[in-house]
């Protein structure tokens, strides 16, 4: 009987322990579920925050892009306004240049015949003048004549070249120079050019001297007494002697003999 009671007691204890174990397991399962819910909630919250952060970054990036676009639009507006002003100014300049070109064409039509006439006149002057440095001077005129037919030389440049040639001819009238060349018969001599007043010469051996007679347009010999003075004049013109007074024959004195 006692054993039976003890067994009942033990059984009862076993049931209590079992009940506690079942209860504990149920509580643990609930706890795990709760923990899992919290974990899932935290994960969801973290994911949501990350999404919010990404959206915030994207929004900030879009805002920066928007501001950049607005700035570029404003810059383009200023640029277009400036460009329009530049284009308008260029159009005005083009119109002005067109007017100038029209005037220039009219001026060219008047200048070209004058330049041609100036070159023709220059040749006549050189051919009728005292024949000092005659080859160089005629070559200069020939080059001017050739230049008149060149299309890529502007009218203003042609005019400049012609007036330059006239200035050279004017300077000859105030110059004193010496140079070597041939006279009639192929004789090599030293020439002494004194403006357009006199053109004298002396042979290289300094034994004979002469002058150019503008009346007969020929070279004529001079007396030997002029040899020393012409020699000195040649030395002075060549800057081999200091400037000095030299008794040189002039045209009317010689032609009056």
C-alpha atoms as a PDB file:
ATOM      1  CA  UNK A   1       0.000   0.000   0.000  1.00  0.00           C
ATOM      2  CA  UNK A   2       2.827   2.333   0.910  1.00  0.00           C
ATOM      3  CA  UNK A   3       4.652   1.440  -2.281  1.00  0.00           C
ATOM      4  CA  UNK A   4       1.603   2.225  -4.231  1.00  0.00           C
ATOM      5  CA  UNK A   5       1.344   5.654  -2.644  1.00  0.00           C
ATOM      6  CA  UNK A   6       5.003   6.328  -3.249  1.00  0.00           C
ATOM      7  CA  UNK A   7       4.605   5.359  -6.839  1.00  0.00           C
ATOM      8  CA  UNK A   8       1.708   7.704  -7.184  1.00  0.00           C
ATOM      9  CA  UNK A   9       3.744  10.484  -5.668  1.00  0.00           C
ATOM     10  CA  UNK A  10       6.621   9.863  -8.021  1.00  0.00           C
ATOM     11  CA  UNK A  11       4.283   9.672 -10.966  1.00  0.00           C
ATOM     12  CA  UNK A  12       2.750  12.912  -9.917  1.00  0.00           C
ATOM     13  CA  UNK A  13       6.190  14.505  -9.700  1.00  0.00           C
ATOM     14  CA  UNK A  14       6.990  13.135 -13.119  1.00  0.00           C
ATOM     15  CA  UNK A  15       3.880  14.653 -14.510  1.00  0.00           C
ATOM     16  CA  UNK A  16       4.742  17.971 -12.909  1.00  0.00           C
ATOM     17  CA  UNK A  17       8.254  17.896 -14.345  1.00  0.00           C
ATOM     18  CA  UNK A  18       6.918  16.904 -17.710  1.00  0.00           C
ATOM     19  CA  UNK A  19       4.349  19.641 -17.547  1.00  0.00           C
ATOM     20  CA  UNK A  20       7.058  22.126 -16.632  1.00  0.00           C
ATOM     21  CA  UNK A  21       9.222  20.878 -19.455  1.00  0.00           C
ATOM     22  CA  UNK A  22       6.377  21.207 -21.890  1.00  0.00           C
ATOM     23  CA  UNK A  23       5.615  24.650 -20.569  1.00  0.00           C
ATOM     24  CA  UNK A  24       9.284  25.621 -20.775  1.00  0.00           C
ATOM     25  CA  UNK A  25       9.570  24.344 -24.293  1.00  0.00           C
ATOM     26  CA  UNK A  26       6.439  26.224 -25.250  1.00  0.00           C
ATOM     27  CA  UNK A  27       7.822  29.402 -23.660  1.00  0.00           C
ATOM     28  CA  UNK A  28      11.189  28.920 -25.369  1.00  0.00           C
ATOM     29  CA  UNK A  29       9.452  28.458 -28.689  1.00  0.00           C
ATOM     30  CA  UNK A  30       7.471  31.604 -28.071  1.00  0.00           C
ATOM     31  CA  UNK A  31      10.678  33.394 -27.073  1.00  0.00           C
ATOM     32  CA  UNK A  32      12.418  32.215 -30.208  1.00  0.00           C
ATOM     33  CA  UNK A  33       9.462  33.371 -32.227  1.00  0.00           C
ATOM     34  CA  UNK A  34       9.542  36.721 -30.504  1.00  0.00           C
ATOM     35  CA  UNK A  35      13.280  37.030 -31.018  1.00  0.00           C
ATOM     36  CA  UNK A  36      12.868  36.100 -34.657  1.00  0.00           C
ATOM     37  CA  UNK A  37      10.114  38.680 -35.032  1.00  0.00           C
ATOM     38  CA  UNK A  38      12.336  41.317 -33.451  1.00  0.00           C
ATOM     39  CA  UNK A  39      15.250  40.260 -35.638  1.00  0.00           C
ATOM     40  CA  UNK A  40      13.095  40.359 -38.735  1.00  0.00           C
ATOM     41  CA  UNK A  41      11.719  43.700 -37.671  1.00  0.00           C
ATOM     42  CA  UNK A  42      15.243  45.056 -37.135  1.00  0.00           C
ATOM     43  CA  UNK A  43      16.359  43.689 -40.483  1.00  0.00           C
ATOM     44  CA  UNK A  44      13.337  45.193 -42.161  1.00  0.00           C
ATOM     45  CA  UNK A  45      13.996  48.482 -40.403  1.00  0.00           C
ATOM     46  CA  UNK A  46      17.654  48.379 -41.438  1.00  0.00           C
ATOM     47  CA  UNK A  47      16.685  47.591 -45.016  1.00  0.00           C
ATOM     48  CA  UNK A  48      14.144  50.363 -44.937  1.00  0.00           C
ATOM     49  CA  UNK A  49      16.779  52.779 -43.595  1.00  0.00           C
ATOM     50  CA  UNK A  50      19.202  51.704 -46.287  1.00  0.00           C
ATOM     51  CA  UNK A  51      16.501  52.267 -48.891  1.00  0.00           C
ATOM     52  CA  UNK A  52      15.782  55.650 -47.367  1.00  0.00           C
ATOM     53  CA  UNK A  53      19.511  56.473 -47.399  1.00  0.00           C
ATOM     54  CA  UNK A  54      19.776  55.394 -51.032  1.00  0.00           C
ATOM     55  CA  UNK A  55      16.725  57.445 -51.919  1.00  0.00           C
ATOM     56  CA  UNK A  56      18.208  60.390 -50.034  1.00  0.00           C
ATOM     57  CA  UNK A  57      21.504  60.029 -51.906  1.00  0.00           C
ATOM     58  CA  UNK A  58      19.675  59.729 -55.206  1.00  0.00           C
ATOM     59  CA  UNK A  59      17.546  62.727 -54.336  1.00  0.00           C
ATOM     60  CA  UNK A  60      20.661  64.744 -53.454  1.00  0.00           C
ATOM     61  CA  UNK A  61      22.362  63.630 -56.664  1.00  0.00           C
ATOM     62  CA  UNK A  62      19.288  64.568 -58.694  1.00  0.00           C
ATOM     63  CA  UNK A  63      19.210  67.930 -56.935  1.00  0.00           C
ATOM     64  CA  UNK A  64      22.865  68.529 -57.812  1.00  0.00           C
ATOM     65  CA  UNK A  65      22.190  67.510 -61.406  1.00  0.00           C
ATOM     66  CA  UNK A  66      19.168  69.792 -61.504  1.00  0.00           C
ATOM     67  CA  UNK A  67      21.185  72.725 -60.202  1.00  0.00           C
ATOM     68  CA  UNK A  68      23.941  71.946 -62.702  1.00  0.00           C
ATOM     69  CA  UNK A  69      21.449  71.868 -65.568  1.00  0.00           C
ATOM     70  CA  UNK A  70      19.902  75.151 -64.411  1.00  0.00           C
ATOM     71  CA  UNK A  71      23.372  76.717 -64.215  1.00  0.00           C
ATOM     72  CA  UNK A  72      24.233  75.443 -67.698  1.00  0.00           C
ATOM     73  CA  UNK A  73      20.951  76.785 -69.051  1.00  0.00           C
ATOM     74  CA  UNK A  74      21.693  80.189 -67.539  1.00  0.00           C
ATOM     75  CA  UNK A  75      25.232  80.096 -68.965  1.00  0.00           C
ATOM     76  CA  UNK A  76      23.906  79.104 -72.378  1.00  0.00           C
ATOM     77  CA  UNK A  77      21.405  81.928 -72.215  1.00  0.00           C
ATOM     78  CA  UNK A  78      24.186  84.431 -71.486  1.00  0.00           C
ATOM     79  CA  UNK A  79      26.371  82.850 -74.186  1.00  0.00           C
ATOM     80  CA  UNK A  80      23.563  82.969 -76.748  1.00  0.00           C
ATOM     81  CA  UNK A  81      22.919  86.617 -75.931  1.00  0.00           C
ATOM     82  CA  UNK A  82      26.621  87.417 -76.310  1.00  0.00           C
ATOM     83  CA  UNK A  83      26.851  85.340 -79.474  1.00  0.00           C
ATOM     84  CA  UNK A  84      23.892  87.169 -80.935  1.00  0.00           C
ATOM     85  CA  UNK A  85      25.624  90.484 -80.246  1.00  0.00           C
ATOM     86  CA  UNK A  86      28.825  89.216 -81.878  1.00  0.00           C
ATOM     87  CA  UNK A  87      26.941  87.963 -84.933  1.00  0.00           C
ATOM     88  CA  UNK A  88      25.112  91.265 -85.273  1.00  0.00           C
ATOM     89  CA  UNK A  89      28.396  93.150 -85.006  1.00  0.00           C
ATOM     90  CA  UNK A  90      30.025  90.879 -87.588  1.00  0.00           C
ATOM     91  CA  UNK A  91      27.096  91.395 -89.928  1.00  0.00           C
ATOM     92  CA  UNK A  92      27.516  95.148 -89.554  1.00  0.00           C
ATOM     93  CA  UNK A  93      31.236  94.831 -90.286  1.00  0.00           C
ATOM     94  CA  UNK A  94      30.529  92.658 -93.317  1.00  0.00           C
ATOM     95  CA  UNK A  95      28.098  95.232 -94.641  1.00  0.00           C
ATOM     96  CA  UNK A  96      30.701  97.929 -94.059  1.00  0.00           C
ATOM     97  CA  UNK A  97      33.368  95.851 -95.808  1.00  0.00           C
ATOM     98  CA  UNK A  98      31.039  95.222 -98.729  1.00  0.00           C
ATOM     99  CA  UNK A  99      30.526  98.960 -99.047  1.00  0.00           C
ATOM    100  CA  UNK A 100      34.278  99.526 -98.853  1.00  0.00           C
ATOM    101  CA  UNK A 101      34.897  96.834-101.472  1.00  0.00           C
ATOM    102  CA  UNK A 102      32.382  98.493-103.758  1.00  0.00           C
ATOM    103  CA  UNK A 103      34.164 101.807-103.279  1.00  0.00           C
ATOM    104  CA  UNK A 104      37.522 100.073-103.738  1.00  0.00           C
ATOM    105  CA  UNK A 105      36.436  98.530-107.020  1.00  0.00           C
ATOM    106  CA  UNK A 106      35.404 101.971-108.203  1.00  0.00           C
ATOM    107  CA  UNK A 107      38.742 103.387-107.047  1.00  0.00           C
ATOM    108  CA  UNK A 108      40.644 100.549-108.730  1.00  0.00           C
ATOM    109  CA  UNK A 109      38.947 101.303-112.026  1.00  0.00           C
ATOM    110  CA  UNK A 110      40.328 104.820-111.759  1.00  0.00           C
ATOM    111  CA  UNK A 111      43.783 103.898-110.395  1.00  0.00           C
ATOM    112  CA  UNK A 112      44.701 101.052-112.756  1.00  0.00           C
ATOM    113  CA  UNK A 113      44.853 103.202-115.916  1.00  0.00           C
ATOM    114  CA  UNK A 114      46.854 105.808-114.006  1.00  0.00           C
ATOM    115  CA  UNK A 115      49.390 103.199-112.822  1.00  0.00           C
ATOM    116  CA  UNK A 116      49.795 101.872-116.369  1.00  0.00           C
ATOM    117  CA  UNK A 117      50.375 105.404-117.628  1.00  0.00           C
ATOM    118  CA  UNK A 118      52.919 106.047-114.860  1.00  0.00           C
ATOM    119  CA  UNK A 119      54.927 102.967-115.864  1.00  0.00           C
ATOM    120  CA  UNK A 120      54.875 103.994-119.532  1.00  0.00           C
ATOM    121  CA  UNK A 121      56.038 107.473-118.571  1.00  0.00           C
ATOM    122  CA  UNK A 122      58.796 106.063-116.367  1.00  0.00           C
ATOM    123  CA  UNK A 123      60.219 104.070-119.278  1.00  0.00           C
ATOM    124  CA  UNK A 124      60.247 107.187-121.452  1.00  0.00           C
ATOM    125  CA  UNK A 125      62.009 109.151-118.703  1.00  0.00           C
ATOM    126  CA  UNK A 126      64.702 106.511-118.238  1.00  0.00           C
ATOM    127  CA  UNK A 127      65.296 106.084-121.966  1.00  0.00           C
ATOM    128  CA  UNK A 128      65.598 109.858-122.484  1.00  0.00           C
ATOM    129  CA  UNK A 129      67.705 110.464-119.375  1.00  0.00           C
ATOM    130  CA  UNK A 130      71.461 110.434-118.837  1.00  0.00           C
ATOM    131  CA  UNK A 131      72.258 106.704-119.145  1.00  0.00           C
ATOM    132  CA  UNK A 132      73.770 106.080-115.702  1.00  0.00           C
ATOM    133  CA  UNK A 133      73.085 102.592-114.330  1.00  0.00           C
ATOM    134  CA  UNK A 134      70.907 102.196-117.398  1.00  0.00           C
ATOM    135  CA  UNK A 135      70.589  98.400-117.232  1.00  0.00           C
ATOM    136  CA  UNK A 136      69.397  98.430-113.615  1.00  0.00           C
ATOM    137  CA  UNK A 137      66.897 101.186-114.309  1.00  0.00           C
ATOM    138  CA  UNK A 138      65.460  99.546-117.438  1.00  0.00           C
ATOM    139  CA  UNK A 139      65.227  96.207-115.608  1.00  0.00           C
ATOM    140  CA  UNK A 140      63.227  97.928-112.875  1.00  0.00           C
ATOM    141  CA  UNK A 141      60.794  99.324-115.436  1.00  0.00           C
ATOM    142  CA  UNK A 142      60.449  95.918-117.124  1.00  0.00           C
ATOM    143  CA  UNK A 143      59.598  94.280-113.782  1.00  0.00           C
ATOM    144  CA  UNK A 144      56.938  96.914-113.196  1.00  0.00           C
ATOM    145  CA  UNK A 145      55.444  96.234-116.623  1.00  0.00           C
ATOM    146  CA  UNK A 146      55.357  92.503-115.889  1.00  0.00           C
ATOM    147  CA  UNK A 147      53.789  93.142-112.478  1.00  0.00           C
ATOM    148  CA  UNK A 148      50.870  95.009-114.053  1.00  0.00           C
ATOM    149  CA  UNK A 149      49.706  91.720-115.605  1.00  0.00           C
ATOM    150  CA  UNK A 150      49.931  89.687-112.387  1.00  0.00           C
ATOM    151  CA  UNK A 151      46.472  89.057-110.937  1.00  0.00           C
ATOM    152  CA  UNK A 152      47.523  88.177-107.386  1.00  0.00           C
ATOM    153  CA  UNK A 153      49.175  91.569-106.823  1.00  0.00           C
ATOM    154  CA  UNK A 154      46.719  94.115-105.474  1.00  0.00           C
ATOM    155  CA  UNK A 155      46.223  97.466-107.122  1.00  0.00           C
ATOM    156  CA  UNK A 156      47.505  99.217-104.006  1.00  0.00           C
ATOM    157  CA  UNK A 157      50.705  97.139-104.101  1.00  0.00           C
ATOM    158  CA  UNK A 158      51.205  97.925-107.787  1.00  0.00           C
ATOM    159  CA  UNK A 159      50.774 101.610-107.083  1.00  0.00           C
ATOM    160  CA  UNK A 160      53.237 101.395-104.181  1.00  0.00           C
ATOM    161  CA  UNK A 161      55.876  99.709-106.352  1.00  0.00           C
ATOM    162  CA  UNK A 162      55.492 102.301-109.108  1.00  0.00           C
ATOM    163  CA  UNK A 163      55.756 105.259-106.731  1.00  0.00           C
ATOM    164  CA  UNK A 164      58.775 103.585-105.129  1.00  0.00           C
ATOM    165  CA  UNK A 165      60.455 103.408-108.552  1.00  0.00           C
ATOM    166  CA  UNK A 166      59.728 107.103-109.120  1.00  0.00           C
ATOM    167  CA  UNK A 167      61.285 107.904-105.740  1.00  0.00           C
ATOM    168  CA  UNK A 168      64.427 105.987-106.696  1.00  0.00           C
ATOM    169  CA  UNK A 169      64.683 108.033-109.892  1.00  0.00           C
ATOM    170  CA  UNK A 170      64.261 111.251-107.910  1.00  0.00           C
ATOM    171  CA  UNK A 171      67.000 110.179-105.494  1.00  0.00           C
ATOM    172  CA  UNK A 172      69.387 109.617-108.410  1.00  0.00           C
ATOM    173  CA  UNK A 173      69.224 113.348-109.123  1.00  0.00           C
ATOM    174  CA  UNK A 174      70.684 114.082-105.672  1.00  0.00           C
ATOM    175  CA  UNK A 175      73.220 111.264-105.544  1.00  0.00           C
ATOM    176  CA  UNK A 176      76.891 110.868-106.384  1.00  0.00           C
ATOM    177  CA  UNK A 177      77.989 107.314-107.132  1.00  0.00           C
ATOM    178  CA  UNK A 178      80.571 105.253-108.944  1.00  0.00           C
ATOM    179  CA  UNK A 179      80.229 101.856-110.590  1.00  0.00           C
ATOM    180  CA  UNK A 180      81.802  99.717-113.318  1.00  0.00           C
ATOM    181  CA  UNK A 181      80.181  99.075-116.665  1.00  0.00           C
ATOM    182  CA  UNK A 182      80.938  99.009-120.378  1.00  0.00           C
ATOM    183  CA  UNK A 183      80.806 101.897-122.818  1.00  0.00           C
ATOM    184  CA  UNK A 184      80.523 101.703-126.593  1.00  0.00           C
ATOM    185  CA  UNK A 185      82.917  99.140-127.976  1.00  0.00           C
ATOM    186  CA  UNK A 186      82.779  96.904-124.889  1.00  0.00           C
ATOM    187  CA  UNK A 187      85.414  98.830-122.953  1.00  0.00           C
ATOM    188  CA  UNK A 188      85.155  98.348-119.175  1.00  0.00           C
ATOM    189  CA  UNK A 189      85.385 101.669-117.309  1.00  0.00           C
ATOM    190  CA  UNK A 190      84.695 103.275-113.934  1.00  0.00           C
ATOM    191  CA  UNK A 191      81.726 105.630-114.135  1.00  0.00           C
ATOM    192  CA  UNK A 192      81.276 108.712-111.971  1.00  0.00           C
ATOM    193  CA  UNK A 193      77.647 109.806-111.786  1.00  0.00           C
ATOM    194  CA  UNK A 194      76.935 113.264-110.372  1.00  0.00           C
ATOM    195  CA  UNK A 195      73.166 113.494-110.116  1.00  0.00           C
ATOM    196  CA  UNK A 196      71.850 114.244-113.580  1.00  0.00           C
ATOM    197  CA  UNK A 197      74.445 116.958-114.081  1.00  0.00           C
ATOM    198  CA  UNK A 198      77.288 114.845-115.394  1.00  0.00           C
ATOM    199  CA  UNK A 199      78.175 111.272-116.241  1.00  0.00           C
ATOM    200  CA  UNK A 200      81.938 110.840-116.486  1.00  0.00           C
ATOM    201  CA  UNK A 201      84.079 107.780-116.994  1.00  0.00           C
ATOM    202  CA  UNK A 202      87.677 106.661-116.758  1.00  0.00           C
ATOM    203  CA  UNK A 203      89.323 103.536-118.099  1.00  0.00           C
ATOM    204  CA  UNK A 204      90.531 101.006-115.559  1.00  0.00           C
ATOM    205  CA  UNK A 205      94.150 101.909-116.321  1.00  0.00           C
ATOM    206  CA  UNK A 206      93.263 105.560-115.539  1.00  0.00           C
ATOM    207  CA  UNK A 207      94.798 106.751-118.825  1.00  0.00           C
ATOM    208  CA  UNK A 208      91.639 107.885-120.595  1.00  0.00           C
ATOM    209  CA  UNK A 209      88.601 109.780-119.380  1.00  0.00           C
ATOM    210  CA  UNK A 210      85.391 110.928-121.006  1.00  0.00           C
ATOM    211  CA  UNK A 211      81.856 112.222-120.511  1.00  0.00           C
ATOM    212  CA  UNK A 212      78.358 111.655-121.834  1.00  0.00           C
ATOM    213  CA  UNK A 213      77.131 114.306-124.275  1.00  0.00           C
ATOM    214  CA  UNK A 214      73.358 114.599-123.806  1.00  0.00           C
ATOM    215  CA  UNK A 215      73.025 116.548-127.032  1.00  0.00           C
ATOM    216  CA  UNK A 216      74.562 113.901-129.266  1.00  0.00           C
ATOM    217  CA  UNK A 217      73.718 111.079-126.819  1.00  0.00           C
ATOM    218  CA  UNK A 218      77.218 109.680-127.170  1.00  0.00           C
ATOM    219  CA  UNK A 219      80.265 109.224-124.975  1.00  0.00           C
ATOM    220  CA  UNK A 220      83.194 111.478-125.846  1.00  0.00           C
ATOM    221  CA  UNK A 221      86.771 111.514-124.639  1.00  0.00           C
ATOM    222  CA  UNK A 222      88.183 114.360-122.545  1.00  0.00           C
ATOM    223  CA  UNK A 223      91.639 115.872-122.450  1.00  0.00           C
ATOM    224  CA  UNK A 224      94.170 114.094-120.288  1.00  0.00           C
ATOM    225  CA  UNK A 225      94.201 117.057-117.900  1.00  0.00           C
ATOM    226  CA  UNK A 226      90.894 115.823-116.446  1.00  0.00           C
ATOM    227  CA  UNK A 227      92.268 112.382-115.559  1.00  0.00           C
ATOM    228  CA  UNK A 228      93.459 113.285-112.059  1.00  0.00           C
ATOM    229  CA  UNK A 229      90.294 115.175-111.061  1.00  0.00           C
ATOM    230  CA  UNK A 230      87.999 112.425-112.361  1.00  0.00           C
ATOM    231  CA  UNK A 231      90.129 109.834-110.568  1.00  0.00           C
ATOM    232  CA  UNK A 232      89.780 111.811-107.328  1.00  0.00           C
ATOM    233  CA  UNK A 233      86.045 112.156-107.862  1.00  0.00           C
ATOM    234  CA  UNK A 234      85.721 108.385-108.296  1.00  0.00           C
ATOM    235  CA  UNK A 235      87.672 107.794-105.060  1.00  0.00           C
ATOM    236  CA  UNK A 236      85.441 110.225-103.155  1.00  0.00           C
ATOM    237  CA  UNK A 237      82.257 108.614-104.533  1.00  0.00           C
ATOM    238  CA  UNK A 238      83.598 105.188-103.510  1.00  0.00           C
ATOM    239  CA  UNK A 239      84.313 106.581-100.016  1.00  0.00           C
ATOM    240  CA  UNK A 240      87.999 105.858-100.507  1.00  0.00           C
ATOM    241  CA  UNK A 241      88.849 109.531 -99.946  1.00  0.00           C
ATOM    242  CA  UNK A 242      87.427 112.317 -97.815  1.00  0.00           C
ATOM    243  CA  UNK A 243      84.936 114.688 -99.475  1.00  0.00           C
ATOM    244  CA  UNK A 244      86.754 117.578-101.108  1.00  0.00           C
ATOM    245  CA  UNK A 245      86.330 120.178-103.824  1.00  0.00           C
ATOM    246  CA  UNK A 246      87.282 118.680-107.170  1.00  0.00           C
ATOM    247  CA  UNK A 247      87.475 120.543-110.469  1.00  0.00           C
ATOM    248  CA  UNK A 248      85.300 118.336-112.656  1.00  0.00           C
ATOM    249  CA  UNK A 249      84.094 119.260-116.136  1.00  0.00           C
ATOM    250  CA  UNK A 250      80.380 119.980-116.483  1.00  0.00           C
ATOM    251  CA  UNK A 251      78.315 119.716-119.606  1.00  0.00           C
ATOM    252  CA  UNK A 252      78.056 123.306-120.735  1.00  0.00           C
ATOM    253  CA  UNK A 253      81.796 123.892-120.198  1.00  0.00           C
ATOM    254  CA  UNK A 254      82.773 120.876-122.243  1.00  0.00           C
ATOM    255  CA  UNK A 255      80.148 121.406-124.919  1.00  0.00           C
ATOM    256  CA  UNK A 256      81.293 125.009-125.261  1.00  0.00           C
ATOM    257  CA  UNK A 257      84.832 124.022-126.201  1.00  0.00           C
END
